[in-house]
Amino acid sequence: YLNSTQVLRAHMTAHDVQLLRAGYRAFLTTGDVYRRDTVDKTHFPVFHQMDGVRIFDHSNRDAITHDLQHTLSGLARHLFGESVDV
């Protein structure tokens, strides 16, 4: 919080609507977000958040599920290494 009437960004999803309205059908947003947490060994008021959005045609649910699993597995391997068990 900056003061009693202004707050720093608490989540990234506020940007999703702008990107969807601009015609994007797949995107990631990443940025710093802030919370009103007391600093201790498990909490810190500043951290990074990533949101992912992808718009699918509803015609093939199996393809959507496969694509999501493939995307998340790829992200996990990119972040944690090829040897990660996903």
Protein backbone atom coordinates (compact mmCIF):
# COMPACT_ATOMS: atom_id res chain seq x y z
CA TYR A 1 0.00 0.00 0.00
CA LEU A 2 1.26 3.45 -0.83
CA ASN A 3 -1.24 5.26 1.35
CA SER A 4 -4.86 4.95 2.52
CA THR A 5 -6.27 5.38 -1.02
CA GLN A 6 -3.64 3.78 -3.31
CA VAL A 7 -2.43 0.19 -3.47
CA LEU A 8 0.33 -1.37 -5.54
CA ARG A 9 -0.59 -4.16 -7.99
CA ALA A 10 -1.83 -7.20 -6.04
CA HIS A 11 -2.14 -9.57 -9.06
CA MET A 12 -1.37 -9.72 -12.77
CA THR A 13 -4.82 -10.72 -14.02
CA ALA A 14 -5.87 -7.08 -14.36
CA HIS A 15 -3.90 -7.00 -17.63
CA ASP A 16 -5.67 -10.01 -19.15
CA VAL A 17 -8.77 -8.06 -20.22
CA GLN A 18 -6.69 -5.48 -22.11
CA LEU A 19 -4.84 -8.18 -24.03
CA LEU A 20 -8.01 -10.14 -24.81
CA ARG A 21 -9.71 -6.97 -26.08
CA ALA A 22 -6.66 -6.30 -28.25
CA GLY A 23 -7.29 -9.65 -29.96
CA TYR A 24 -4.63 -11.81 -28.36
CA ARG A 25 -5.69 -15.47 -27.96
CA ALA A 26 -2.56 -16.73 -26.15
CA PHE A 27 -0.20 -14.82 -23.86
CA LEU A 28 1.77 -14.79 -20.62
CA THR A 29 1.99 -11.84 -18.28
CA THR A 30 4.75 -11.65 -15.68
CA GLY A 31 5.45 -8.98 -13.12
CA ASP A 32 6.04 -7.91 -9.56
CA VAL A 33 3.02 -8.05 -7.28
CA TYR A 34 2.67 -6.76 -3.74
CA ARG A 35 0.79 -7.97 -0.68
CA ARG A 36 0.23 -6.55 2.76
CA ASP A 37 2.11 -9.38 4.49
CA THR A 38 4.31 -9.17 7.53
CA VAL A 39 7.81 -10.31 6.61
CA ASP A 40 8.75 -13.62 8.23
CA LYS A 41 10.42 -16.87 7.12
CA THR A 42 7.43 -17.82 4.90
CA HIS A 43 6.10 -14.42 3.77
CA PHE A 44 7.46 -11.48 1.85
CA PRO A 45 5.23 -8.69 0.51
CA VAL A 46 6.88 -8.52 -2.96
CA PHE A 47 7.02 -11.45 -5.37
CA HIS A 48 6.61 -12.36 -9.02
CA GLN A 49 3.46 -13.76 -10.58
CA MET A 50 2.87 -15.24 -14.01
CA ASP A 51 -0.54 -15.61 -15.64
CA GLY A 52 -1.09 -17.64 -18.76
CA VAL A 53 -4.14 -17.34 -21.02
CA ARG A 54 -5.03 -19.29 -24.13
CA ILE A 55 -8.40 -19.26 -25.89
CA PHE A 56 -9.43 -22.58 -27.46
CA ASP A 57 -12.14 -23.65 -29.85
CA HIS A 58 -14.50 -25.91 -27.84
CA SER A 59 -14.72 -28.50 -30.61
CA ASN A 60 -12.03 -30.88 -29.32
CA ARG A 61 -11.74 -31.28 -25.54
CA ASP A 62 -9.08 -34.04 -25.80
CA ALA A 63 -6.82 -31.78 -27.88
CA ILE A 64 -7.23 -28.99 -25.33
CA THR A 65 -6.32 -31.32 -22.45
CA HIS A 66 -3.29 -32.66 -24.35
CA ASP A 67 -2.11 -29.14 -25.22
CA LEU A 68 -2.42 -27.97 -21.60
CA GLN A 69 -0.50 -31.00 -20.29
CA HIS A 70 2.21 -30.52 -22.92
CA THR A 71 2.51 -26.79 -22.19
CA LEU A 72 2.72 -27.22 -18.41
CA SER A 73 5.19 -30.10 -18.68
CA GLY A 74 7.37 -28.01 -20.99
CA LEU A 75 7.26 -25.07 -18.60
CA ALA A 76 8.21 -27.29 -15.64
CA ARG A 77 11.14 -28.79 -17.57
CA HIS A 78 12.29 -25.34 -18.70
CA LEU A 79 12.19 -23.98 -15.14
CA PHE A 80 13.48 -27.01 -13.22
CA GLY A 81 15.52 -28.98 -15.78
CA GLU A 82 14.92 -31.83 -18.17
CA SER A 83 15.27 -34.43 -15.42
CA VAL A 84 12.23 -33.19 -13.47
CA ASP A 85 9.50 -35.80 -13.10
CA VAL A 86 6.24 -34.38 -14.43
